[in-house]
């Protein structure tokens, strides 16, 4: 037989979990109503210098080297190789949301 304190503990944990998940769902919905991630992103244009472990190093128009981090959410458009001119949409942490080659 299950004791009353265990039942109360399980029910209270379930309640707290539901409260936490409702906050996450609400935050996700709020993000969708505002400007899209790509609309808020800054654009970096330059020459692809190298790729190391998923990080793309680009020589920007100002001559400085910029490191762009990527992951499975990054949209890659075209086959990129060293020396290509590229355009990247990045967030405030220089995480690439989209990278595409330029003609």
PDB file of N, CA and C in Angstrom:
ATOM      1  N   UNK A   1       0.833  -1.179   0.000  1.00  0.00           N
ATOM      2  CA  UNK A   1       0.000   0.000   0.000  1.00  0.00           C
ATOM      3  C   UNK A   1       0.885   1.252   0.000  1.00  0.00           C
ATOM      4  N   UNK A   2       0.476   2.289  -0.703  1.00  0.00           N
ATOM      5  CA  UNK A   2       1.247   3.519  -0.834  1.00  0.00           C
ATOM      6  C   UNK A   2       0.885   4.447   0.319  1.00  0.00           C
ATOM      7  N   UNK A   3       1.901   5.031   0.935  1.00  0.00           N
ATOM      8  CA  UNK A   3       1.637   5.924   2.062  1.00  0.00           C
ATOM      9  C   UNK A   3       1.202   7.295   1.562  1.00  0.00           C
ATOM     10  N   UNK A   4       0.467   8.001   2.393  1.00  0.00           N
ATOM     11  CA  UNK A   4      -0.059   9.327   2.057  1.00  0.00           C
ATOM     12  C   UNK A   4       1.073  10.325   1.767  1.00  0.00           C
ATOM     13  N   UNK A   5       2.152  10.385   2.539  1.00  0.00           N
ATOM     14  CA  UNK A   5       3.223  11.343   2.222  1.00  0.00           C
ATOM     15  C   UNK A   5       3.839  11.128   0.840  1.00  0.00           C
ATOM     16  N   UNK A   6       3.964   9.883   0.395  1.00  0.00           N
ATOM     17  CA  UNK A   6       4.515   9.632  -0.940  1.00  0.00           C
ATOM     18  C   UNK A   6       3.572  10.151  -2.011  1.00  0.00           C
ATOM     19  N   UNK A   7       2.277   9.936  -1.842  1.00  0.00           N
ATOM     20  CA  UNK A   7       1.296  10.409  -2.815  1.00  0.00           C
ATOM     21  C   UNK A   7       1.314  11.927  -2.888  1.00  0.00           C
ATOM     22  N   UNK A   8       1.348  12.576  -1.743  1.00  0.00           N
ATOM     23  CA  UNK A   8       1.381  14.042  -1.707  1.00  0.00           C
ATOM     24  C   UNK A   8       2.660  14.544  -2.378  1.00  0.00           C
ATOM     25  N   UNK A   9       3.765  13.878  -2.109  1.00  0.00           N
ATOM     26  CA  UNK A   9       5.030  14.280  -2.725  1.00  0.00           C
ATOM     27  C   UNK A   9       4.999  14.148  -4.234  1.00  0.00           C
ATOM     28  N   UNK A  10       4.480  13.044  -4.740  1.00  0.00           N
ATOM     29  CA  UNK A  10       4.403  12.830  -6.184  1.00  0.00           C
ATOM     30  C   UNK A  10       3.469  13.844  -6.831  1.00  0.00           C
ATOM     31  N   UNK A  11       2.317  14.089  -6.213  1.00  0.00           N
ATOM     32  CA  UNK A  11       1.364  15.061  -6.772  1.00  0.00           C
ATOM     33  C   UNK A  11       1.947  16.469  -6.774  1.00  0.00           C
ATOM     34  N   UNK A  12       2.651  16.861  -5.719  1.00  0.00           N
ATOM     35  CA  UNK A  12       3.225  18.206  -5.681  1.00  0.00           C
ATOM     36  C   UNK A  12       4.353  18.351  -6.705  1.00  0.00           C
ATOM     37  N   UNK A  13       5.136  17.298  -6.890  1.00  0.00           N
ATOM     38  CA  UNK A  13       6.185  17.350  -7.930  1.00  0.00           C
ATOM     39  C   UNK A  13       5.568  17.480  -9.317  1.00  0.00           C
ATOM     40  N   UNK A  14       4.505  16.749  -9.574  1.00  0.00           N
ATOM     41  CA  UNK A  14       3.808  16.848 -10.858  1.00  0.00           C
ATOM     42  C   UNK A  14       3.246  18.231 -11.092  1.00  0.00           C
ATOM     43  N   UNK A  15       2.684  18.835 -10.037  1.00  0.00           N
ATOM     44  CA  UNK A  15       2.131  20.186 -10.140  1.00  0.00           C
ATOM     45  C   UNK A  15       3.230  21.197 -10.480  1.00  0.00           C
ATOM     46  N   UNK A  16       4.370  21.095  -9.771  1.00  0.00           N
ATOM     47  CA  UNK A  16       5.483  22.012 -10.033  1.00  0.00           C
ATOM     48  C   UNK A  16       6.038  21.834 -11.440  1.00  0.00           C
ATOM     49  N   UNK A  17       6.093  20.600 -11.918  1.00  0.00           N
ATOM     50  CA  UNK A  17       6.562  20.339 -13.272  1.00  0.00           C
ATOM     51  C   UNK A  17       5.642  20.996 -14.295  1.00  0.00           C
ATOM     52  N   UNK A  18       4.340  20.873 -14.083  1.00  0.00           N
ATOM     53  CA  UNK A  18       3.377  21.505 -15.007  1.00  0.00           C
ATOM     54  C   UNK A  18       3.529  23.015 -15.017  1.00  0.00           C
ATOM     55  N   UNK A  19       3.749  23.603 -13.851  1.00  0.00           N
ATOM     56  CA  UNK A  19       3.952  25.058 -13.794  1.00  0.00           C
ATOM     57  C   UNK A  19       5.196  25.464 -14.571  1.00  0.00           C
ATOM     58  N   UNK A  20       6.267  24.712 -14.419  1.00  0.00           N
ATOM     59  CA  UNK A  20       7.503  25.016 -15.143  1.00  0.00           C
ATOM     60  C   UNK A  20       7.338  24.887 -16.642  1.00  0.00           C
ATOM     61  N   UNK A  21       6.660  23.861 -17.097  1.00  0.00           N
ATOM     62  CA  UNK A  21       6.455  23.657 -18.533  1.00  0.00           C
ATOM     63  C   UNK A  21       5.549  24.726 -19.119  1.00  0.00           C
ATOM     64  N   UNK A  22       4.569  25.204 -18.359  1.00  0.00           N
ATOM     65  CA  UNK A  22       3.682  26.247 -18.894  1.00  0.00           C
ATOM     66  C   UNK A  22       4.458  27.529 -19.153  1.00  0.00           C
ATOM     67  N   UNK A  23       5.469  27.811 -18.330  1.00  0.00           N
ATOM     68  CA  UNK A  23       6.318  28.990 -18.542  1.00  0.00           C
ATOM     69  C   UNK A  23       7.133  28.837 -19.824  1.00  0.00           C
ATOM     70  N   UNK A  24       7.650  27.657 -20.070  1.00  0.00           N
ATOM     71  CA  UNK A  24       8.438  27.397 -21.280  1.00  0.00           C
ATOM     72  C   UNK A  24       7.566  27.548 -22.517  1.00  0.00           C
ATOM     73  N   UNK A  25       6.366  27.006 -22.488  1.00  0.00           N
ATOM     74  CA  UNK A  25       5.455  27.116 -23.629  1.00  0.00           C
ATOM     75  C   UNK A  25       5.094  28.567 -23.876  1.00  0.00           C
ATOM     76  N   UNK A  26       4.835  29.306 -22.820  1.00  0.00           N
ATOM     77  CA  UNK A  26       4.482  30.716 -22.966  1.00  0.00           C
ATOM     78  C   UNK A  26       5.644  31.507 -23.564  1.00  0.00           C
ATOM     79  N   UNK A  27       6.864  31.229 -23.136  1.00  0.00           N
ATOM     80  CA  UNK A  27       8.032  31.925 -23.685  1.00  0.00           C
ATOM     81  C   UNK A  27       8.195  31.626 -25.167  1.00  0.00           C
ATOM     82  N   UNK A  28       7.972  30.390 -25.576  1.00  0.00           N
ATOM     83  CA  UNK A  28       8.074  30.029 -26.988  1.00  0.00           C
ATOM     84  C   UNK A  28       7.032  30.725 -27.836  1.00  0.00           C
ATOM     85  N   UNK A  29       5.835  30.869 -27.313  1.00  0.00           N
ATOM     86  CA  UNK A  29       4.779  31.545 -28.056  1.00  0.00           C
ATOM     87  C   UNK A  29       5.065  33.033 -28.168  1.00  0.00           C
ATOM     88  N   UNK A  30       5.595  33.633 -27.116  1.00  0.00           N
ATOM     89  CA  UNK A  30       5.911  35.061 -27.155  1.00  0.00           C
ATOM     90  C   UNK A  30       6.972  35.344 -28.204  1.00  0.00           C
ATOM     91  N   UNK A  31       7.942  34.436 -28.348  1.00  0.00           N
ATOM     92  CA  UNK A  31       9.006  34.627 -29.321  1.00  0.00           C
ATOM     93  C   UNK A  31       8.469  34.591 -30.746  1.00  0.00           C
ATOM     94  N   UNK A  32       7.458  33.762 -31.008  1.00  0.00           N
ATOM     95  CA  UNK A  32       6.916  33.624 -32.356  1.00  0.00           C
ATOM     96  C   UNK A  32       6.122  34.848 -32.791  1.00  0.00           C
ATOM     97  N   UNK A  33       5.552  35.618 -31.848  1.00  0.00           N
ATOM     98  CA  UNK A  33       4.736  36.761 -32.229  1.00  0.00           C
ATOM     99  C   UNK A  33       5.581  37.969 -32.596  1.00  0.00           C
ATOM    100  N   UNK A  34       6.816  38.042 -32.120  1.00  0.00           N
ATOM    101  CA  UNK A  34       7.694  39.162 -32.430  1.00  0.00           C
ATOM    102  C   UNK A  34       8.381  38.954 -33.763  1.00  0.00           C
ATOM    103  N   UNK A  35       9.378  39.809 -34.050  1.00  0.00           N
ATOM    104  CA  UNK A  35      10.124  39.644 -35.300  1.00  0.00           C
ATOM    105  C   UNK A  35      10.842  38.303 -35.320  1.00  0.00           C
ATOM    106  N   UNK A  36      10.985  37.735 -36.505  1.00  0.00           N
ATOM    107  CA  UNK A  36      11.642  36.428 -36.622  1.00  0.00           C
ATOM    108  C   UNK A  36      13.123  36.567 -36.268  1.00  0.00           C
ATOM    109  N   UNK A  37      13.733  35.419 -35.974  1.00  0.00           N
ATOM    110  CA  UNK A  37      15.154  35.425 -35.623  1.00  0.00           C
ATOM    111  C   UNK A  37      15.993  36.017 -36.744  1.00  0.00           C
ATOM    112  N   UNK A  38      15.644  35.700 -37.996  1.00  0.00           N
ATOM    113  CA  UNK A  38      16.430  36.223 -39.120  1.00  0.00           C
ATOM    114  C   UNK A  38      16.255  37.722 -39.279  1.00  0.00           C
ATOM    115  N   UNK A  39      15.077  38.245 -38.957  1.00  0.00           N
ATOM    116  CA  UNK A  39      14.858  39.691 -39.061  1.00  0.00           C
ATOM    117  C   UNK A  39      15.670  40.445 -38.013  1.00  0.00           C
ATOM    118  N   UNK A  40      15.889  39.841 -36.854  1.00  0.00           N
ATOM    119  CA  UNK A  40      16.661  40.483 -35.789  1.00  0.00           C
ATOM    120  C   UNK A  40      18.161  40.269 -35.955  1.00  0.00           C
ATOM    121  N   UNK A  41      18.571  39.351 -36.809  1.00  0.00           N
ATOM    122  CA  UNK A  41      19.977  38.985 -36.958  1.00  0.00           C
ATOM    123  C   UNK A  41      20.755  40.065 -37.708  1.00  0.00           C
ATOM    124  N   UNK A  42      22.042  40.135 -37.394  1.00  0.00           N
ATOM    125  CA  UNK A  42      22.909  41.030 -38.174  1.00  0.00           C
ATOM    126  C   UNK A  42      23.527  40.221 -39.303  1.00  0.00           C
ATOM    127  N   UNK A  43      23.936  40.904 -40.353  1.00  0.00           N
ATOM    128  CA  UNK A  43      24.498  40.254 -41.529  1.00  0.00           C
ATOM    129  C   UNK A  43      26.000  40.476 -41.573  1.00  0.00           C
ATOM    130  N   UNK A  44      26.735  39.405 -41.803  1.00  0.00           N
ATOM    131  CA  UNK A  44      28.185  39.473 -41.986  1.00  0.00           C
ATOM    132  C   UNK A  44      28.490  38.959 -43.381  1.00  0.00           C
ATOM    133  N   UNK A  45      29.220  39.763 -44.143  1.00  0.00           N
ATOM    134  CA  UNK A  45      29.621  39.388 -45.497  1.00  0.00           C
ATOM    135  C   UNK A  45      31.142  39.393 -45.554  1.00  0.00           C
ATOM    136  N   UNK A  46      31.702  38.371 -46.196  1.00  0.00           N
ATOM    137  CA  UNK A  46      33.154  38.331 -46.303  1.00  0.00           C
ATOM    138  C   UNK A  46      33.643  37.061 -46.957  1.00  0.00           C
ATOM    139  N   UNK A  47      34.960  36.836 -46.831  1.00  0.00           N
ATOM    140  CA  UNK A  47      35.613  35.680 -47.437  1.00  0.00           C
ATOM    141  C   UNK A  47      35.772  34.576 -46.399  1.00  0.00           C
ATOM    142  N   UNK A  48      35.392  33.362 -46.773  1.00  0.00           N
ATOM    143  CA  UNK A  48      35.551  32.218 -45.878  1.00  0.00           C
ATOM    144  C   UNK A  48      37.025  31.835 -45.823  1.00  0.00           C
ATOM    145  N   UNK A  49      37.633  31.952 -44.644  1.00  0.00           N
ATOM    146  CA  UNK A  49      39.048  31.647 -44.472  1.00  0.00           C
ATOM    147  C   UNK A  49      39.280  30.169 -44.185  1.00  0.00           C
ATOM    148  N   UNK A  50      38.474  29.599 -43.276  1.00  0.00           N
ATOM    149  CA  UNK A  50      38.629  28.187 -42.916  1.00  0.00           C
ATOM    150  C   UNK A  50      37.422  27.726 -42.112  1.00  0.00           C
ATOM    151  N   UNK A  51      37.322  26.398 -41.998  1.00  0.00           N
ATOM    152  CA  UNK A  51      36.282  25.770 -41.190  1.00  0.00           C
ATOM    153  C   UNK A  51      36.977  24.827 -40.219  1.00  0.00           C
ATOM    154  N   UNK A  52      36.695  24.993 -38.922  1.00  0.00           N
ATOM    155  CA  UNK A  52      37.297  24.145 -37.896  1.00  0.00           C
ATOM    156  C   UNK A  52      36.224  23.680 -36.932  1.00  0.00           C
ATOM    157  N   UNK A  53      35.972  22.376 -36.916  1.00  0.00           N
ATOM    158  CA  UNK A  53      35.039  21.770 -35.963  1.00  0.00           C
ATOM    159  C   UNK A  53      33.675  22.464 -35.937  1.00  0.00           C
ATOM    160  N   UNK A  54      33.159  22.790 -37.101  1.00  0.00           N
ATOM    161  CA  UNK A  54      31.847  23.419 -37.182  1.00  0.00           C
ATOM    162  C   UNK A  54      31.852  24.928 -37.017  1.00  0.00           C
ATOM    163  N   UNK A  55      32.999  25.520 -36.759  1.00  0.00           N
ATOM    164  CA  UNK A  55      33.104  26.980 -36.683  1.00  0.00           C
ATOM    165  C   UNK A  55      33.640  27.502 -38.014  1.00  0.00           C
ATOM    166  N   UNK A  56      33.005  28.531 -38.519  1.00  0.00           N
ATOM    167  CA  UNK A  56      33.399  29.147 -39.790  1.00  0.00           C
ATOM    168  C   UNK A  56      34.121  30.450 -39.477  1.00  0.00           C
ATOM    169  N   UNK A  57      35.307  30.612 -40.044  1.00  0.00           N
ATOM    170  CA  UNK A  57      36.091  31.825 -39.837  1.00  0.00           C
ATOM    171  C   UNK A  57      36.029  32.655 -41.113  1.00  0.00           C
ATOM    172  N   UNK A  58      35.560  33.888 -40.959  1.00  0.00           N
ATOM    173  CA  UNK A  58      35.300  34.767 -42.098  1.00  0.00           C
ATOM    174  C   UNK A  58      36.091  36.055 -41.935  1.00  0.00           C
ATOM    175  N   UNK A  59      36.700  36.493 -43.033  1.00  0.00           N
ATOM    176  CA  UNK A  59      37.349  37.809 -43.055  1.00  0.00           C
ATOM    177  C   UNK A  59      36.281  38.797 -43.498  1.00  0.00           C
ATOM    178  N   UNK A  60      35.826  39.619 -42.551  1.00  0.00           N
ATOM    179  CA  UNK A  60      34.751  40.564 -42.827  1.00  0.00           C
ATOM    180  C   UNK A  60      35.179  41.699 -43.730  1.00  0.00           C
ATOM    181  N   UNK A  61      34.239  42.528 -44.107  1.00  0.00           N
ATOM    182  CA  UNK A  61      34.518  43.653 -44.998  1.00  0.00           C
ATOM    183  C   UNK A  61      35.470  44.658 -44.357  1.00  0.00           C
ATOM    184  N   UNK A  62      35.511  44.672 -43.021  1.00  0.00           N
ATOM    185  CA  UNK A  62      36.422  45.580 -42.320  1.00  0.00           C
ATOM    186  C   UNK A  62      37.829  45.004 -42.170  1.00  0.00           C
ATOM    187  N   UNK A  63      38.042  43.780 -42.691  1.00  0.00           N
ATOM    188  CA  UNK A  63      39.344  43.139 -42.638  1.00  0.00           C
ATOM    189  C   UNK A  63      39.584  42.302 -41.399  1.00  0.00           C
ATOM    190  N   UNK A  64      38.648  42.324 -40.458  1.00  0.00           N
ATOM    191  CA  UNK A  64      38.808  41.550 -39.227  1.00  0.00           C
ATOM    192  C   UNK A  64      38.272  40.135 -39.408  1.00  0.00           C
ATOM    193  N   UNK A  65      38.894  39.209 -38.688  1.00  0.00           N
ATOM    194  CA  UNK A  65      38.446  37.824 -38.727  1.00  0.00           C
ATOM    195  C   UNK A  65      37.309  37.631 -37.719  1.00  0.00           C
ATOM    196  N   UNK A  66      36.229  36.994 -38.176  1.00  0.00           N
ATOM    197  CA  UNK A  66      35.061  36.748 -37.339  1.00  0.00           C
ATOM    198  C   UNK A  66      34.838  35.246 -37.263  1.00  0.00           C
ATOM    199  N   UNK A  67      34.574  34.744 -36.067  1.00  0.00           N
ATOM    200  CA  UNK A  67      34.288  33.319 -35.863  1.00  0.00           C
ATOM    201  C   UNK A  67      32.782  33.129 -35.746  1.00  0.00           C
ATOM    202  N   UNK A  68      32.222  32.298 -36.617  1.00  0.00           N
ATOM    203  CA  UNK A  68      30.800  31.997 -36.609  1.00  0.00           C
ATOM    204  C   UNK A  68      30.606  30.563 -36.118  1.00  0.00           C
ATOM    205  N   UNK A  69      29.851  30.383 -35.070  1.00  0.00           N
ATOM    206  CA  UNK A  69      29.565  29.036 -34.586  1.00  0.00           C
ATOM    207  C   UNK A  69      28.307  28.510 -35.264  1.00  0.00           C
ATOM    208  N   UNK A  70      28.282  27.216 -35.511  1.00  0.00           N
ATOM    209  CA  UNK A  70      27.129  26.596 -36.155  1.00  0.00           C
ATOM    210  C   UNK A  70      26.699  25.374 -35.355  1.00  0.00           C
ATOM    211  N   UNK A  71      25.461  24.947 -35.609  1.00  0.00           N
ATOM    212  CA  UNK A  71      24.959  23.694 -35.061  1.00  0.00           C
ATOM    213  C   UNK A  71      23.901  23.167 -36.016  1.00  0.00           C
ATOM    214  N   UNK A  72      23.134  22.190 -35.575  1.00  0.00           N
ATOM    215  CA  UNK A  72      22.153  21.570 -36.470  1.00  0.00           C
ATOM    216  C   UNK A  72      21.017  22.515 -36.843  1.00  0.00           C
ATOM    217  N   UNK A  73      20.869  23.649 -36.159  1.00  0.00           N
ATOM    218  CA  UNK A  73      19.810  24.600 -36.506  1.00  0.00           C
ATOM    219  C   UNK A  73      20.242  25.596 -37.572  1.00  0.00           C
ATOM    220  N   UNK A  74      21.536  25.654 -37.876  1.00  0.00           N
ATOM    221  CA  UNK A  74      22.048  26.598 -38.875  1.00  0.00           C
ATOM    222  C   UNK A  74      21.628  26.155 -40.272  1.00  0.00           C
ATOM    223  N   UNK A  75      21.035  27.065 -41.031  1.00  0.00           N
ATOM    224  CA  UNK A  75      20.653  26.776 -42.417  1.00  0.00           C
ATOM    225  C   UNK A  75      21.860  27.024 -43.310  1.00  0.00           C
ATOM    226  N   UNK A  76      22.284  25.989 -44.023  1.00  0.00           N
ATOM    227  CA  UNK A  76      23.420  26.101 -44.938  1.00  0.00           C
ATOM    228  C   UNK A  76      22.884  26.082 -46.361  1.00  0.00           C
ATOM    229  N   UNK A  77      23.257  27.080 -47.144  1.00  0.00           N
ATOM    230  CA  UNK A  77      22.786  27.182 -48.516  1.00  0.00           C
ATOM    231  C   UNK A  77      23.982  27.144 -49.455  1.00  0.00           C
ATOM    232  N   UNK A  78      24.117  26.054 -50.177  1.00  0.00           N
ATOM    233  CA  UNK A  78      25.211  25.896 -51.121  1.00  0.00           C
ATOM    234  C   UNK A  78      26.381  25.161 -50.495  1.00  0.00           C
ATOM    235  N   UNK A  79      27.302  24.734 -51.350  1.00  0.00           N
ATOM    236  CA  UNK A  79      28.528  24.082 -50.907  1.00  0.00           C
ATOM    237  C   UNK A  79      29.570  25.164 -50.662  1.00  0.00           C
ATOM    238  N   UNK A  80      30.070  25.251 -49.447  1.00  0.00           N
ATOM    239  CA  UNK A  80      31.017  26.300 -49.097  1.00  0.00           C
ATOM    240  C   UNK A  80      32.424  25.727 -49.005  1.00  0.00           C
ATOM    241  N   UNK A  81      33.390  26.510 -49.513  1.00  0.00           N
ATOM    242  CA  UNK A  81      34.785  26.104 -49.422  1.00  0.00           C
ATOM    243  C   UNK A  81      35.644  27.341 -49.189  1.00  0.00           C
ATOM    244  N   UNK A  82      36.864  27.098 -48.757  1.00  0.00           N
ATOM    245  CA  UNK A  82      37.807  28.178 -48.469  1.00  0.00           C
ATOM    246  C   UNK A  82      37.908  29.118 -49.670  1.00  0.00           C
ATOM    247  N   UNK A  83      37.866  30.418 -49.399  1.00  0.00           N
ATOM    248  CA  UNK A  83      37.987  31.419 -50.449  1.00  0.00           C
ATOM    249  C   UNK A  83      36.656  31.925 -50.973  1.00  0.00           C
ATOM    250  N   UNK A  84      35.565  31.231 -50.681  1.00  0.00           N
ATOM    251  CA  UNK A  84      34.236  31.668 -51.141  1.00  0.00           C
ATOM    252  C   UNK A  84      33.828  32.955 -50.429  1.00  0.00           C
ATOM    253  N   UNK A  85      33.102  33.782 -51.164  1.00  0.00           N
ATOM    254  CA  UNK A  85      32.450  34.938 -50.532  1.00  0.00           C
ATOM    255  C   UNK A  85      31.126  34.441 -49.989  1.00  0.00           C
ATOM    256  N   UNK A  86      30.864  34.770 -48.729  1.00  0.00           N
ATOM    257  CA  UNK A  86      29.647  34.288 -48.097  1.00  0.00           C
ATOM    258  C   UNK A  86      28.907  35.430 -47.413  1.00  0.00           C
ATOM    259  N   UNK A  87      27.647  35.154 -47.138  1.00  0.00           N
ATOM    260  CA  UNK A  87      26.822  36.038 -46.331  1.00  0.00           C
ATOM    261  C   UNK A  87      26.270  35.187 -45.195  1.00  0.00           C
ATOM    262  N   UNK A  88      26.354  35.706 -43.983  1.00  0.00           N
ATOM    263  CA  UNK A  88      25.858  34.970 -42.823  1.00  0.00           C
ATOM    264  C   UNK A  88      24.939  35.863 -42.006  1.00  0.00           C
ATOM    265  N   UNK A  89      23.846  35.301 -41.562  1.00  0.00           N
ATOM    266  CA  UNK A  89      22.945  35.964 -40.619  1.00  0.00           C
ATOM    267  C   UNK A  89      23.278  35.377 -39.259  1.00  0.00           C
ATOM    268  N   UNK A  90      23.659  36.232 -38.304  1.00  0.00           N
ATOM    269  CA  UNK A  90      24.095  35.762 -36.994  1.00  0.00           C
ATOM    270  C   UNK A  90      23.346  36.482 -35.884  1.00  0.00           C
ATOM    271  N   UNK A  91      23.228  35.813 -34.735  1.00  0.00           N
ATOM    272  CA  UNK A  91      22.615  36.453 -33.580  1.00  0.00           C
ATOM    273  C   UNK A  91      23.681  37.221 -32.800  1.00  0.00           C
ATOM    274  N   UNK A  92      23.315  37.720 -31.634  1.00  0.00           N
ATOM    275  CA  UNK A  92      24.237  38.561 -30.862  1.00  0.00           C
ATOM    276  C   UNK A  92      25.456  37.810 -30.332  1.00  0.00           C
ATOM    277  N   UNK A  93      25.400  36.466 -30.280  1.00  0.00           N
ATOM    278  CA  UNK A  93      26.544  35.669 -29.845  1.00  0.00           C
ATOM    279  C   UNK A  93      27.367  35.139 -31.024  1.00  0.00           C
ATOM    280  N   UNK A  94      27.144  35.634 -32.217  1.00  0.00           N
ATOM    281  CA  UNK A  94      27.794  35.182 -33.454  1.00  0.00           C
ATOM    282  C   UNK A  94      27.493  33.723 -33.768  1.00  0.00           C
ATOM    283  N   UNK A  95      26.326  33.262 -33.351  1.00  0.00           N
ATOM    284  CA  UNK A  95      25.858  31.938 -33.759  1.00  0.00           C
ATOM    285  C   UNK A  95      25.186  32.125 -35.112  1.00  0.00           C
ATOM    286  N   UNK A  96      25.635  31.377 -36.112  1.00  0.00           N
ATOM    287  CA  UNK A  96      25.105  31.524 -37.468  1.00  0.00           C
ATOM    288  C   UNK A  96      23.725  30.890 -37.566  1.00  0.00           C
ATOM    289  N   UNK A  97      22.753  31.688 -37.980  1.00  0.00           N
ATOM    290  CA  UNK A  97      21.407  31.188 -38.228  1.00  0.00           C
ATOM    291  C   UNK A  97      21.297  30.713 -39.667  1.00  0.00           C
ATOM    292  N   UNK A  98      22.027  31.394 -40.571  1.00  0.00           N
ATOM    293  CA  UNK A  98      22.004  31.064 -41.996  1.00  0.00           C
ATOM    294  C   UNK A  98      23.357  31.446 -42.588  1.00  0.00           C
ATOM    295  N   UNK A  99      23.901  30.583 -43.415  1.00  0.00           N
ATOM    296  CA  UNK A  99      25.132  30.895 -44.164  1.00  0.00           C
ATOM    297  C   UNK A  99      24.876  30.508 -45.621  1.00  0.00           C
ATOM    298  N   UNK A 100      25.180  31.437 -46.526  1.00  0.00           N
ATOM    299  CA  UNK A 100      25.016  31.136 -47.950  1.00  0.00           C
ATOM    300  C   UNK A 100      26.190  31.708 -48.740  1.00  0.00           C
ATOM    301  N   UNK A 101      26.480  31.059 -49.858  1.00  0.00           N
ATOM    302  CA  UNK A 101      27.552  31.551 -50.711  1.00  0.00           C
ATOM    303  C   UNK A 101      27.013  32.669 -51.588  1.00  0.00           C
ATOM    304  N   UNK A 102      27.890  33.588 -51.925  1.00  0.00           N
ATOM    305  CA  UNK A 102      27.541  34.711 -52.799  1.00  0.00           C
ATOM    306  C   UNK A 102      28.202  34.495 -54.147  1.00  0.00           C
ATOM    307  N   UNK A 103      27.568  34.987 -55.199  1.00  0.00           N
ATOM    308  CA  UNK A 103      28.168  34.858 -56.539  1.00  0.00           C
ATOM    309  C   UNK A 103      29.431  35.680 -56.699  1.00  0.00           C
TER     310      UNK A 103
END
